[in-house]
């Protein structure tokens, strides 16, 4: 998520741009093209260090130098090993005055998916669930539609839109038969991922089509699923192994939606970076009602996961609590 602004030598806006999608011109290239000759002697503001390698587009650091920029203000350096300070070094060697770290926290939040993937090789994991005030996500009979209202559900679809993949366990597939799509005009559809150790997902499931990955046990057979375009990945369902495989495929972010056992497994494995909890003013109750988070959990309250940088947002009658692990 990169944006760039060019001011001319007099400090007036000369050009701006942002990187819309992979393979298209980078933010700096767009801003410099718009600025044209007014860029000479001017200042470039950019959220990420200009790249120094030839990829699907030319190196931005070289373009900045050719444009005659006098000063560059960069929020964060790029951890991609193909750049990793090389872009900064080229600017300094060319005599450009460089300032880094401006609005660094905001830029890191904006690019948390990308930065986490580049630094760990793993996708950034967001755990998402909707629950009543008592932490229940369904009644004792499994009824869960709908806990939250329309505004919260619309927000959740946008959450799907911004993640590269959406992940659930086989119980969720068998119980709800979800589509796992982002449903609004212009939505980007995430890769659908199912953890299904015993490969119980039926070929008639609504998500059983091309673009769906099912992680299952070695030796599992599912010819009907494969005929429908589902890719079976036979390496088991342990969260770390799953994330390593998704990371190798270039997926930067995963939205884990459940159910309780799947969410619990990811929390127990310490594999969650962010939580999005939609809380409805609803009391479900009942000892057999479904909790939001399963798994083993901590033995002591002092070991419980306490979120940081917590934000609370009102969505109609519901609230969204977001925080980092």
C-alpha atoms as a PDB file:
ATOM      1  CA  UNK A   1       0.000   0.000   0.000  1.00  0.00           C
ATOM      2  CA  UNK A   2       2.163   2.812  -1.314  1.00  0.00           C
ATOM      3  CA  UNK A   3       1.279   6.422  -2.009  1.00  0.00           C
ATOM      4  CA  UNK A   4       3.531   9.234  -3.219  1.00  0.00           C
ATOM      5  CA  UNK A   5       3.270  13.015  -3.465  1.00  0.00           C
ATOM      6  CA  UNK A   6       5.668  15.355  -5.283  1.00  0.00           C
ATOM      7  CA  UNK A   7       5.989  19.022  -4.361  1.00  0.00           C
ATOM      8  CA  UNK A   8       7.849  21.351  -6.701  1.00  0.00           C
ATOM      9  CA  UNK A   9      10.738  23.570  -5.615  1.00  0.00           C
ATOM     10  CA  UNK A  10       8.255  26.197  -4.396  1.00  0.00           C
ATOM     11  CA  UNK A  11       6.430  23.662  -2.204  1.00  0.00           C
ATOM     12  CA  UNK A  12       3.364  23.451  -4.432  1.00  0.00           C
ATOM     13  CA  UNK A  13       1.651  20.172  -5.288  1.00  0.00           C
ATOM     14  CA  UNK A  14       3.031  18.900  -8.606  1.00  0.00           C
ATOM     15  CA  UNK A  15       2.079  15.238  -8.734  1.00  0.00           C
ATOM     16  CA  UNK A  16       0.621  12.331  -6.782  1.00  0.00           C
ATOM     17  CA  UNK A  17      -0.051   8.662  -7.291  1.00  0.00           C
ATOM     18  CA  UNK A  18      -0.549   5.297  -5.638  1.00  0.00           C
ATOM     19  CA  UNK A  19       0.228   1.698  -6.514  1.00  0.00           C
ATOM     20  CA  UNK A  20      -3.095   0.250  -7.628  1.00  0.00           C
ATOM     21  CA  UNK A  21      -2.146  -3.395  -8.219  1.00  0.00           C
ATOM     22  CA  UNK A  22       0.802  -5.703  -8.888  1.00  0.00           C
ATOM     23  CA  UNK A  23       2.402  -5.191 -12.276  1.00  0.00           C
ATOM     24  CA  UNK A  24       1.214  -1.611 -12.680  1.00  0.00           C
ATOM     25  CA  UNK A  25       3.430   1.490 -12.250  1.00  0.00           C
ATOM     26  CA  UNK A  26       4.505   2.197  -8.691  1.00  0.00           C
ATOM     27  CA  UNK A  27       3.335   5.224  -6.741  1.00  0.00           C
ATOM     28  CA  UNK A  28       6.568   7.181  -7.273  1.00  0.00           C
ATOM     29  CA  UNK A  29       6.505   6.614 -11.027  1.00  0.00           C
ATOM     30  CA  UNK A  30       2.941   7.903 -11.288  1.00  0.00           C
ATOM     31  CA  UNK A  31       3.614  10.960  -9.120  1.00  0.00           C
ATOM     32  CA  UNK A  32       6.810  11.821 -11.021  1.00  0.00           C
ATOM     33  CA  UNK A  33       5.125  11.407 -14.401  1.00  0.00           C
ATOM     34  CA  UNK A  34       2.328  13.734 -13.334  1.00  0.00           C
ATOM     35  CA  UNK A  35       4.838  16.273 -11.997  1.00  0.00           C
ATOM     36  CA  UNK A  36       6.980  16.196 -15.137  1.00  0.00           C
ATOM     37  CA  UNK A  37       9.740  18.859 -15.155  1.00  0.00           C
ATOM     38  CA  UNK A  38       8.272  20.443 -12.003  1.00  0.00           C
ATOM     39  CA  UNK A  39       9.782  17.555 -10.007  1.00  0.00           C
ATOM     40  CA  UNK A  40      13.309  18.932 -10.469  1.00  0.00           C
ATOM     41  CA  UNK A  41      14.470  20.511  -7.227  1.00  0.00           C
ATOM     42  CA  UNK A  42      11.324  19.339  -5.479  1.00  0.00           C
ATOM     43  CA  UNK A  43      10.409  17.001  -2.631  1.00  0.00           C
ATOM     44  CA  UNK A  44       9.071  13.453  -2.812  1.00  0.00           C
ATOM     45  CA  UNK A  45       6.924  12.083   0.022  1.00  0.00           C
ATOM     46  CA  UNK A  46       6.400   8.304  -0.111  1.00  0.00           C
ATOM     47  CA  UNK A  47       5.127   5.704   2.365  1.00  0.00           C
ATOM     48  CA  UNK A  48       7.655   2.982   1.410  1.00  0.00           C
ATOM     49  CA  UNK A  49      11.303   3.099   0.386  1.00  0.00           C
ATOM     50  CA  UNK A  50      11.603   3.349  -3.421  1.00  0.00           C
ATOM     51  CA  UNK A  51      12.473  -0.048  -4.879  1.00  0.00           C
ATOM     52  CA  UNK A  52      15.968  -0.693  -6.231  1.00  0.00           C
ATOM     53  CA  UNK A  53      15.351  -3.816  -8.328  1.00  0.00           C
ATOM     54  CA  UNK A  54      13.985  -4.586 -11.763  1.00  0.00           C
ATOM     55  CA  UNK A  55      10.737  -6.481 -11.347  1.00  0.00           C
ATOM     56  CA  UNK A  56       7.590  -6.144 -13.390  1.00  0.00           C
ATOM     57  CA  UNK A  57       8.360  -2.407 -13.318  1.00  0.00           C
ATOM     58  CA  UNK A  58      11.700  -0.507 -13.414  1.00  0.00           C
ATOM     59  CA  UNK A  59      13.511   0.553 -10.192  1.00  0.00           C
ATOM     60  CA  UNK A  60      11.803   3.573  -8.653  1.00  0.00           C
ATOM     61  CA  UNK A  61      14.984   4.799  -6.944  1.00  0.00           C
ATOM     62  CA  UNK A  62      16.557   5.397 -10.363  1.00  0.00           C
ATOM     63  CA  UNK A  63      13.450   7.236 -11.569  1.00  0.00           C
ATOM     64  CA  UNK A  64      13.575   9.527  -8.522  1.00  0.00           C
ATOM     65  CA  UNK A  65      17.208  10.359  -9.233  1.00  0.00           C
ATOM     66  CA  UNK A  66      16.579  11.032 -12.946  1.00  0.00           C
ATOM     67  CA  UNK A  67      13.678  13.336 -12.082  1.00  0.00           C
ATOM     68  CA  UNK A  68      16.043  15.633 -10.167  1.00  0.00           C
ATOM     69  CA  UNK A  69      14.286  15.343  -6.799  1.00  0.00           C
ATOM     70  CA  UNK A  70      16.206  17.314  -4.145  1.00  0.00           C
ATOM     71  CA  UNK A  71      14.673  15.806  -0.998  1.00  0.00           C
ATOM     72  CA  UNK A  72      12.873  12.543  -0.219  1.00  0.00           C
ATOM     73  CA  UNK A  73      10.726  11.877   2.854  1.00  0.00           C
ATOM     74  CA  UNK A  74      10.164   8.142   3.403  1.00  0.00           C
ATOM     75  CA  UNK A  75       7.924   6.622   6.074  1.00  0.00           C
ATOM     76  CA  UNK A  76       9.380   3.091   6.239  1.00  0.00           C
ATOM     77  CA  UNK A  77      12.201   1.103   4.674  1.00  0.00           C
ATOM     78  CA  UNK A  78      11.334  -1.913   2.551  1.00  0.00           C
ATOM     79  CA  UNK A  79      12.269  -5.293   4.116  1.00  0.00           C
ATOM     80  CA  UNK A  80      12.094  -7.013   0.712  1.00  0.00           C
ATOM     81  CA  UNK A  81      15.658  -8.417   0.287  1.00  0.00           C
ATOM     82  CA  UNK A  82      15.735  -7.065  -3.279  1.00  0.00           C
ATOM     83  CA  UNK A  83      15.614  -3.527  -1.865  1.00  0.00           C
ATOM     84  CA  UNK A  84      16.236  -3.591   1.938  1.00  0.00           C
ATOM     85  CA  UNK A  85      18.041  -0.246   2.177  1.00  0.00           C
ATOM     86  CA  UNK A  86      19.475  -0.299  -1.354  1.00  0.00           C
ATOM     87  CA  UNK A  87      16.905   2.224  -2.569  1.00  0.00           C
ATOM     88  CA  UNK A  88      17.824   4.571   0.278  1.00  0.00           C
ATOM     89  CA  UNK A  89      21.528   4.107  -0.446  1.00  0.00           C
ATOM     90  CA  UNK A  90      21.089   5.025  -4.122  1.00  0.00           C
ATOM     91  CA  UNK A  91      19.250   8.217  -3.232  1.00  0.00           C
ATOM     92  CA  UNK A  92      21.948   9.248  -0.749  1.00  0.00           C
ATOM     93  CA  UNK A  93      24.732   8.458  -3.249  1.00  0.00           C
ATOM     94  CA  UNK A  94      22.984  10.729  -5.752  1.00  0.00           C
ATOM     95  CA  UNK A  95      23.127  13.600  -3.245  1.00  0.00           C
ATOM     96  CA  UNK A  96      19.418  13.563  -2.410  1.00  0.00           C
ATOM     97  CA  UNK A  97      18.550  14.681   1.116  1.00  0.00           C
ATOM     98  CA  UNK A  98      16.597  11.837   2.760  1.00  0.00           C
ATOM     99  CA  UNK A  99      14.438  11.776   5.878  1.00  0.00           C
ATOM    100  CA  UNK A 100      12.950   8.501   7.130  1.00  0.00           C
ATOM    101  CA  UNK A 101      10.497   7.507   9.853  1.00  0.00           C
ATOM    102  CA  UNK A 102       7.885  10.218   9.214  1.00  0.00           C
ATOM    103  CA  UNK A 103       4.434   8.759  10.085  1.00  0.00           C
ATOM    104  CA  UNK A 104       6.173   5.401  10.485  1.00  0.00           C
ATOM    105  CA  UNK A 105       3.525   3.830  12.746  1.00  0.00           C
ATOM    106  CA  UNK A 106       0.706   4.712  10.349  1.00  0.00           C
ATOM    107  CA  UNK A 107       2.669   3.360   7.375  1.00  0.00           C
ATOM    108  CA  UNK A 108       3.436   0.132   9.218  1.00  0.00           C
ATOM    109  CA  UNK A 109      -0.250  -0.354  10.027  1.00  0.00           C
ATOM    110  CA  UNK A 110      -1.156   0.370   6.423  1.00  0.00           C
ATOM    111  CA  UNK A 111       1.345  -2.257   5.256  1.00  0.00           C
ATOM    112  CA  UNK A 112       1.131  -4.751   8.123  1.00  0.00           C
ATOM    113  CA  UNK A 113       0.253  -7.646   5.775  1.00  0.00           C
ATOM    114  CA  UNK A 114       3.169  -6.968   3.433  1.00  0.00           C
ATOM    115  CA  UNK A 115       5.738  -6.283   6.168  1.00  0.00           C
ATOM    116  CA  UNK A 116       4.837  -9.396   8.177  1.00  0.00           C
ATOM    117  CA  UNK A 117       5.076 -11.620   5.101  1.00  0.00           C
ATOM    118  CA  UNK A 118       8.412 -10.170   3.993  1.00  0.00           C
ATOM    119  CA  UNK A 119       9.905 -10.479   7.487  1.00  0.00           C
ATOM    120  CA  UNK A 120       8.602 -13.970   8.384  1.00  0.00           C
ATOM    121  CA  UNK A 121       7.629 -15.655   5.124  1.00  0.00           C
ATOM    122  CA  UNK A 122       4.187 -16.241   6.666  1.00  0.00           C
ATOM    123  CA  UNK A 123       0.854 -14.526   6.002  1.00  0.00           C
ATOM    124  CA  UNK A 124      -0.461 -12.022   8.536  1.00  0.00           C
ATOM    125  CA  UNK A 125      -3.318 -13.749  10.403  1.00  0.00           C
ATOM    126  CA  UNK A 126      -6.486 -11.970  11.501  1.00  0.00           C
ATOM    127  CA  UNK A 127      -8.865 -13.937  13.727  1.00  0.00           C
ATOM    128  CA  UNK A 128     -12.471 -12.861  13.194  1.00  0.00           C
ATOM    129  CA  UNK A 129     -15.639 -13.906  14.978  1.00  0.00           C
ATOM    130  CA  UNK A 130     -19.093 -12.602  15.895  1.00  0.00           C
ATOM    131  CA  UNK A 131     -20.450 -13.335  19.357  1.00  0.00           C
ATOM    132  CA  UNK A 132     -23.028 -12.284  21.891  1.00  0.00           C
ATOM    133  CA  UNK A 133     -22.092 -10.507  25.110  1.00  0.00           C
ATOM    134  CA  UNK A 134     -21.541 -13.900  26.737  1.00  0.00           C
ATOM    135  CA  UNK A 135     -19.011 -14.980  24.097  1.00  0.00           C
ATOM    136  CA  UNK A 136     -21.320 -17.497  22.441  1.00  0.00           C
ATOM    137  CA  UNK A 137     -21.387 -17.791  18.655  1.00  0.00           C
ATOM    138  CA  UNK A 138     -24.348 -20.181  18.368  1.00  0.00           C
ATOM    139  CA  UNK A 139     -27.100 -21.732  20.451  1.00  0.00           C
ATOM    140  CA  UNK A 140     -26.907 -25.277  21.825  1.00  0.00           C
ATOM    141  CA  UNK A 141     -28.575 -26.498  18.605  1.00  0.00           C
ATOM    142  CA  UNK A 142     -26.025 -24.699  16.417  1.00  0.00           C
ATOM    143  CA  UNK A 143     -28.284 -21.835  15.294  1.00  0.00           C
ATOM    144  CA  UNK A 144     -26.064 -18.824  14.512  1.00  0.00           C
ATOM    145  CA  UNK A 145     -27.892 -16.695  11.909  1.00  0.00           C
ATOM    146  CA  UNK A 146     -27.725 -13.902  12.551  1.00  0.00           C
ATOM    147  CA  UNK A 147     -25.889 -12.766  15.680  1.00  0.00           C
ATOM    148  CA  UNK A 148     -24.917  -9.356  14.336  1.00  0.00           C
ATOM    149  CA  UNK A 149     -26.881  -6.834  12.300  1.00  0.00           C
ATOM    150  CA  UNK A 150     -26.575  -5.721   8.702  1.00  0.00           C
ATOM    151  CA  UNK A 151     -23.903  -3.056   9.292  1.00  0.00           C
ATOM    152  CA  UNK A 152     -21.577  -5.478  11.058  1.00  0.00           C
ATOM    153  CA  UNK A 153     -22.092  -8.134   8.393  1.00  0.00           C
ATOM    154  CA  UNK A 154     -21.376  -5.618   5.630  1.00  0.00           C
ATOM    155  CA  UNK A 155     -18.184  -4.618   7.441  1.00  0.00           C
ATOM    156  CA  UNK A 156     -17.174  -8.288   7.661  1.00  0.00           C
ATOM    157  CA  UNK A 157     -17.531  -8.629   3.891  1.00  0.00           C
ATOM    158  CA  UNK A 158     -15.135  -5.723   3.416  1.00  0.00           C
ATOM    159  CA  UNK A 159     -12.756  -7.482   5.798  1.00  0.00           C
ATOM    160  CA  UNK A 160     -12.847 -10.487   3.466  1.00  0.00           C
ATOM    161  CA  UNK A 161     -12.191  -8.179   0.521  1.00  0.00           C
ATOM    162  CA  UNK A 162      -8.903  -6.862   1.957  1.00  0.00           C
ATOM    163  CA  UNK A 163      -7.474 -10.276   2.892  1.00  0.00           C
ATOM    164  CA  UNK A 164      -5.797 -12.595   0.391  1.00  0.00           C
ATOM    165  CA  UNK A 165      -7.362 -15.729   1.866  1.00  0.00           C
ATOM    166  CA  UNK A 166     -10.219 -16.730   4.141  1.00  0.00           C
ATOM    167  CA  UNK A 167      -9.878 -19.882   6.247  1.00  0.00           C
ATOM    168  CA  UNK A 168     -12.361 -22.119   8.059  1.00  0.00           C
ATOM    169  CA  UNK A 169     -12.465 -25.623   9.473  1.00  0.00           C
ATOM    170  CA  UNK A 170     -14.445 -28.550   8.103  1.00  0.00           C
ATOM    171  CA  UNK A 171     -17.075 -28.267  10.863  1.00  0.00           C
ATOM    172  CA  UNK A 172     -18.023 -24.829   9.575  1.00  0.00           C
ATOM    173  CA  UNK A 173     -18.310 -26.186   6.035  1.00  0.00           C
ATOM    174  CA  UNK A 174     -20.495 -29.102   7.130  1.00  0.00           C
ATOM    175  CA  UNK A 175     -22.699 -26.991   9.407  1.00  0.00           C
ATOM    176  CA  UNK A 176     -23.145 -23.785   7.389  1.00  0.00           C
ATOM    177  CA  UNK A 177     -22.194 -24.683   3.790  1.00  0.00           C
ATOM    178  CA  UNK A 178     -20.690 -21.175   3.364  1.00  0.00           C
ATOM    179  CA  UNK A 179     -19.639 -19.561   0.091  1.00  0.00           C
ATOM    180  CA  UNK A 180     -16.781 -17.639   1.776  1.00  0.00           C
ATOM    181  CA  UNK A 181     -17.046 -14.740  -0.636  1.00  0.00           C
ATOM    182  CA  UNK A 182     -17.010 -10.964  -0.274  1.00  0.00           C
ATOM    183  CA  UNK A 183     -20.470  -9.874  -1.351  1.00  0.00           C
ATOM    184  CA  UNK A 184     -20.574  -6.303  -2.592  1.00  0.00           C
ATOM    185  CA  UNK A 185     -20.041  -4.680  -5.972  1.00  0.00           C
ATOM    186  CA  UNK A 186     -16.396  -4.588  -7.002  1.00  0.00           C
ATOM    187  CA  UNK A 187     -15.250  -6.909  -4.217  1.00  0.00           C
ATOM    188  CA  UNK A 188     -11.995  -8.790  -4.578  1.00  0.00           C
ATOM    189  CA  UNK A 189     -12.553 -12.473  -3.830  1.00  0.00           C
ATOM    190  CA  UNK A 190     -10.135 -14.146  -1.402  1.00  0.00           C
ATOM    191  CA  UNK A 191      -8.670 -17.600  -1.873  1.00  0.00           C
ATOM    192  CA  UNK A 192     -10.862 -20.020   0.089  1.00  0.00           C
ATOM    193  CA  UNK A 193      -9.011 -22.339   2.479  1.00  0.00           C
ATOM    194  CA  UNK A 194     -10.477 -25.257   4.418  1.00  0.00           C
ATOM    195  CA  UNK A 195      -8.755 -27.327   7.103  1.00  0.00           C
ATOM    196  CA  UNK A 196     -10.227 -30.798   6.742  1.00  0.00           C
ATOM    197  CA  UNK A 197      -8.033 -33.515   8.237  1.00  0.00           C
ATOM    198  CA  UNK A 198     -10.494 -36.330   7.459  1.00  0.00           C
ATOM    199  CA  UNK A 199     -11.581 -34.807   4.130  1.00  0.00           C
ATOM    200  CA  UNK A 200     -15.282 -34.662   4.934  1.00  0.00           C
ATOM    201  CA  UNK A 201     -16.030 -31.690   2.661  1.00  0.00           C
ATOM    202  CA  UNK A 202     -18.653 -32.881   0.160  1.00  0.00           C
ATOM    203  CA  UNK A 203     -18.207 -32.236  -3.545  1.00  0.00           C
ATOM    204  CA  UNK A 204     -21.636 -30.579  -3.411  1.00  0.00           C
ATOM    205  CA  UNK A 205     -20.420 -27.861  -0.998  1.00  0.00           C
ATOM    206  CA  UNK A 206     -20.893 -24.320  -2.308  1.00  0.00           C
ATOM    207  CA  UNK A 207     -17.180 -23.584  -1.950  1.00  0.00           C
ATOM    208  CA  UNK A 208     -16.134 -26.760  -3.778  1.00  0.00           C
ATOM    209  CA  UNK A 209     -14.806 -25.121  -6.936  1.00  0.00           C
ATOM    210  CA  UNK A 210     -11.675 -23.738  -8.531  1.00  0.00           C
ATOM    211  CA  UNK A 211      -9.824 -21.361  -6.236  1.00  0.00           C
ATOM    212  CA  UNK A 212     -10.443 -23.389  -3.079  1.00  0.00           C
ATOM    213  CA  UNK A 213      -7.601 -25.078  -1.204  1.00  0.00           C
ATOM    214  CA  UNK A 214      -8.290 -27.924   1.205  1.00  0.00           C
ATOM    215  CA  UNK A 215      -5.551 -28.961   3.624  1.00  0.00           C
ATOM    216  CA  UNK A 216      -5.943 -32.597   4.585  1.00  0.00           C
ATOM    217  CA  UNK A 217      -4.000 -35.623   5.821  1.00  0.00           C
ATOM    218  CA  UNK A 218      -1.399 -37.394   3.665  1.00  0.00           C
ATOM    219  CA  UNK A 219      -2.979 -40.168   1.652  1.00  0.00           C
ATOM    220  CA  UNK A 220      -6.452 -38.626   1.615  1.00  0.00           C
ATOM    221  CA  UNK A 221      -8.387 -39.141  -1.605  1.00  0.00           C
ATOM    222  CA  UNK A 222     -10.999 -36.778  -3.000  1.00  0.00           C
ATOM    223  CA  UNK A 223     -11.394 -37.333  -6.725  1.00  0.00           C
ATOM    224  CA  UNK A 224     -14.795 -35.635  -6.901  1.00  0.00           C
ATOM    225  CA  UNK A 225     -13.465 -32.506  -5.208  1.00  0.00           C
ATOM    226  CA  UNK A 226     -10.466 -32.396  -7.532  1.00  0.00           C
ATOM    227  CA  UNK A 227     -12.743 -32.818 -10.547  1.00  0.00           C
ATOM    228  CA  UNK A 228     -14.510 -29.628  -9.458  1.00  0.00           C
ATOM    229  CA  UNK A 229     -11.200 -27.761  -9.385  1.00  0.00           C
ATOM    230  CA  UNK A 230     -10.495 -27.938  -5.647  1.00  0.00           C
ATOM    231  CA  UNK A 231      -6.787 -28.288  -4.844  1.00  0.00           C
ATOM    232  CA  UNK A 232      -6.032 -30.819  -2.121  1.00  0.00           C
ATOM    233  CA  UNK A 233      -2.874 -30.116  -0.123  1.00  0.00           C
ATOM    234  CA  UNK A 234      -1.948 -33.267   1.757  1.00  0.00           C
ATOM    235  CA  UNK A 235       0.353 -31.953   4.496  1.00  0.00           C
ATOM    236  CA  UNK A 236      -2.034 -32.023   7.462  1.00  0.00           C
ATOM    237  CA  UNK A 237      -3.835 -29.143   9.164  1.00  0.00           C
ATOM    238  CA  UNK A 238      -1.343 -27.886  11.756  1.00  0.00           C
ATOM    239  CA  UNK A 239      -1.518 -24.062  11.648  1.00  0.00           C
ATOM    240  CA  UNK A 240       2.204 -23.455  11.206  1.00  0.00           C
ATOM    241  CA  UNK A 241       2.484 -25.872   8.270  1.00  0.00           C
ATOM    242  CA  UNK A 242      -0.619 -24.390   6.658  1.00  0.00           C
ATOM    243  CA  UNK A 243       0.707 -20.835   6.978  1.00  0.00           C
ATOM    244  CA  UNK A 244       4.115 -21.804   5.618  1.00  0.00           C
ATOM    245  CA  UNK A 245       2.473 -23.245   2.511  1.00  0.00           C
ATOM    246  CA  UNK A 246       0.209 -20.220   2.037  1.00  0.00           C
ATOM    247  CA  UNK A 247       3.192 -17.923   2.502  1.00  0.00           C
ATOM    248  CA  UNK A 248       5.144 -19.815  -0.171  1.00  0.00           C
ATOM    249  CA  UNK A 249       2.230 -19.200  -2.519  1.00  0.00           C
ATOM    250  CA  UNK A 250       2.581 -15.447  -2.025  1.00  0.00           C
ATOM    251  CA  UNK A 251      -0.533 -14.928   0.106  1.00  0.00           C
ATOM    252  CA  UNK A 252       0.167 -12.001   2.437  1.00  0.00           C
ATOM    253  CA  UNK A 253      -2.869 -12.255   4.715  1.00  0.00           C
ATOM    254  CA  UNK A 254      -5.350 -14.811   6.014  1.00  0.00           C
ATOM    255  CA  UNK A 255      -8.694 -14.136   7.689  1.00  0.00           C
ATOM    256  CA  UNK A 256      -9.472 -17.048  10.029  1.00  0.00           C
ATOM    257  CA  UNK A 257     -13.244 -17.119  10.504  1.00  0.00           C
ATOM    258  CA  UNK A 258     -13.741 -20.315  12.477  1.00  0.00           C
ATOM    259  CA  UNK A 259     -15.235 -22.280  13.835  1.00  0.00           C
ATOM    260  CA  UNK A 260     -14.273 -22.383  17.484  1.00  0.00           C
ATOM    261  CA  UNK A 261     -11.902 -25.342  17.167  1.00  0.00           C
ATOM    262  CA  UNK A 262     -10.030 -23.778  14.238  1.00  0.00           C
ATOM    263  CA  UNK A 263      -9.741 -20.396  15.944  1.00  0.00           C
ATOM    264  CA  UNK A 264      -8.578 -22.148  19.120  1.00  0.00           C
ATOM    265  CA  UNK A 265      -5.900 -24.054  17.216  1.00  0.00           C
ATOM    266  CA  UNK A 266      -4.496 -20.843  15.743  1.00  0.00           C
ATOM    267  CA  UNK A 267      -4.508 -19.070  19.109  1.00  0.00           C
ATOM    268  CA  UNK A 268      -2.906 -22.069  20.838  1.00  0.00           C
ATOM    269  CA  UNK A 269      -0.201 -22.083  18.161  1.00  0.00           C
ATOM    270  CA  UNK A 270       0.513 -18.368  18.692  1.00  0.00           C
ATOM    271  CA  UNK A 271      -0.261 -17.841  15.022  1.00  0.00           C
ATOM    272  CA  UNK A 272      -2.641 -14.858  15.278  1.00  0.00           C
ATOM    273  CA  UNK A 273      -1.461 -11.261  14.800  1.00  0.00           C
ATOM    274  CA  UNK A 274      -4.773  -9.384  15.009  1.00  0.00           C
ATOM    275  CA  UNK A 275      -8.292  -9.938  16.346  1.00  0.00           C
ATOM    276  CA  UNK A 276     -11.551  -8.570  14.946  1.00  0.00           C
ATOM    277  CA  UNK A 277     -14.425  -9.370  17.312  1.00  0.00           C
ATOM    278  CA  UNK A 278     -17.948  -8.305  16.406  1.00  0.00           C
ATOM    279  CA  UNK A 279     -19.964  -8.194  19.622  1.00  0.00           C
ATOM    280  CA  UNK A 280     -23.758  -8.045  19.587  1.00  0.00           C
ATOM    281  CA  UNK A 281     -25.991  -6.890  22.505  1.00  0.00           C
ATOM    282  CA  UNK A 282     -27.261 -10.437  22.743  1.00  0.00           C
ATOM    283  CA  UNK A 283     -27.360 -13.006  25.527  1.00  0.00           C
ATOM    284  CA  UNK A 284     -27.414 -16.567  24.229  1.00  0.00           C
ATOM    285  CA  UNK A 285     -26.616 -18.500  27.389  1.00  0.00           C
ATOM    286  CA  UNK A 286     -26.676 -22.226  27.963  1.00  0.00           C
ATOM    287  CA  UNK A 287     -23.863 -24.502  29.054  1.00  0.00           C
ATOM    288  CA  UNK A 288     -23.946 -26.299  25.694  1.00  0.00           C
ATOM    289  CA  UNK A 289     -24.000 -23.147  23.561  1.00  0.00           C
ATOM    290  CA  UNK A 290     -21.022 -22.739  21.246  1.00  0.00           C
ATOM    291  CA  UNK A 291     -18.119 -20.562  22.490  1.00  0.00           C
ATOM    292  CA  UNK A 292     -16.238 -18.268  20.121  1.00  0.00           C
ATOM    293  CA  UNK A 293     -12.820 -19.778  20.836  1.00  0.00           C
ATOM    294  CA  UNK A 294     -12.057 -23.448  21.430  1.00  0.00           C
ATOM    295  CA  UNK A 295      -8.715 -25.174  21.723  1.00  0.00           C
ATOM    296  CA  UNK A 296      -6.733 -25.814  24.891  1.00  0.00           C
ATOM    297  CA  UNK A 297      -6.395 -22.227  26.108  1.00  0.00           C
ATOM    298  CA  UNK A 298      -4.190 -21.072  28.997  1.00  0.00           C
ATOM    299  CA  UNK A 299      -4.007 -22.795  32.384  1.00  0.00           C
ATOM    300  CA  UNK A 300      -3.924 -19.504  34.290  1.00  0.00           C
ATOM    301  CA  UNK A 301      -5.640 -16.188  33.705  1.00  0.00           C
ATOM    302  CA  UNK A 302      -2.258 -14.469  33.876  1.00  0.00           C
ATOM    303  CA  UNK A 303      -1.334 -16.429  30.734  1.00  0.00           C
ATOM    304  CA  UNK A 304      -4.411 -15.293  28.816  1.00  0.00           C
ATOM    305  CA  UNK A 305      -3.826 -13.312  25.647  1.00  0.00           C
ATOM    306  CA  UNK A 306      -4.412  -9.618  26.280  1.00  0.00           C
ATOM    307  CA  UNK A 307      -4.740  -7.458  23.175  1.00  0.00           C
ATOM    308  CA  UNK A 308      -2.862  -4.203  22.644  1.00  0.00           C
ATOM    309  CA  UNK A 309      -3.631  -1.076  20.612  1.00  0.00           C
ATOM    310  CA  UNK A 310      -7.323  -1.802  21.064  1.00  0.00           C
ATOM    311  CA  UNK A 311      -9.900   0.130  19.045  1.00  0.00           C
ATOM    312  CA  UNK A 312     -13.684   0.045  19.422  1.00  0.00           C
ATOM    313  CA  UNK A 313     -16.107   0.966  16.636  1.00  0.00           C
ATOM    314  CA  UNK A 314     -19.898   1.170  16.649  1.00  0.00           C
ATOM    315  CA  UNK A 315     -21.643  -0.658  13.798  1.00  0.00           C
ATOM    316  CA  UNK A 316     -25.380  -0.137  14.187  1.00  0.00           C
ATOM    317  CA  UNK A 317     -26.436  -1.941  17.385  1.00  0.00           C
ATOM    318  CA  UNK A 318     -23.161  -3.917  17.474  1.00  0.00           C
ATOM    319  CA  UNK A 319     -19.567  -3.019  18.313  1.00  0.00           C
ATOM    320  CA  UNK A 320     -16.333  -4.086  16.690  1.00  0.00           C
ATOM    321  CA  UNK A 321     -13.361  -4.625  19.005  1.00  0.00           C
ATOM    322  CA  UNK A 322     -10.002  -4.747  17.199  1.00  0.00           C
ATOM    323  CA  UNK A 323      -6.589  -5.318  18.703  1.00  0.00           C
ATOM    324  CA  UNK A 324      -3.151  -6.841  18.206  1.00  0.00           C
ATOM    325  CA  UNK A 325      -1.753  -9.892  19.946  1.00  0.00           C
END
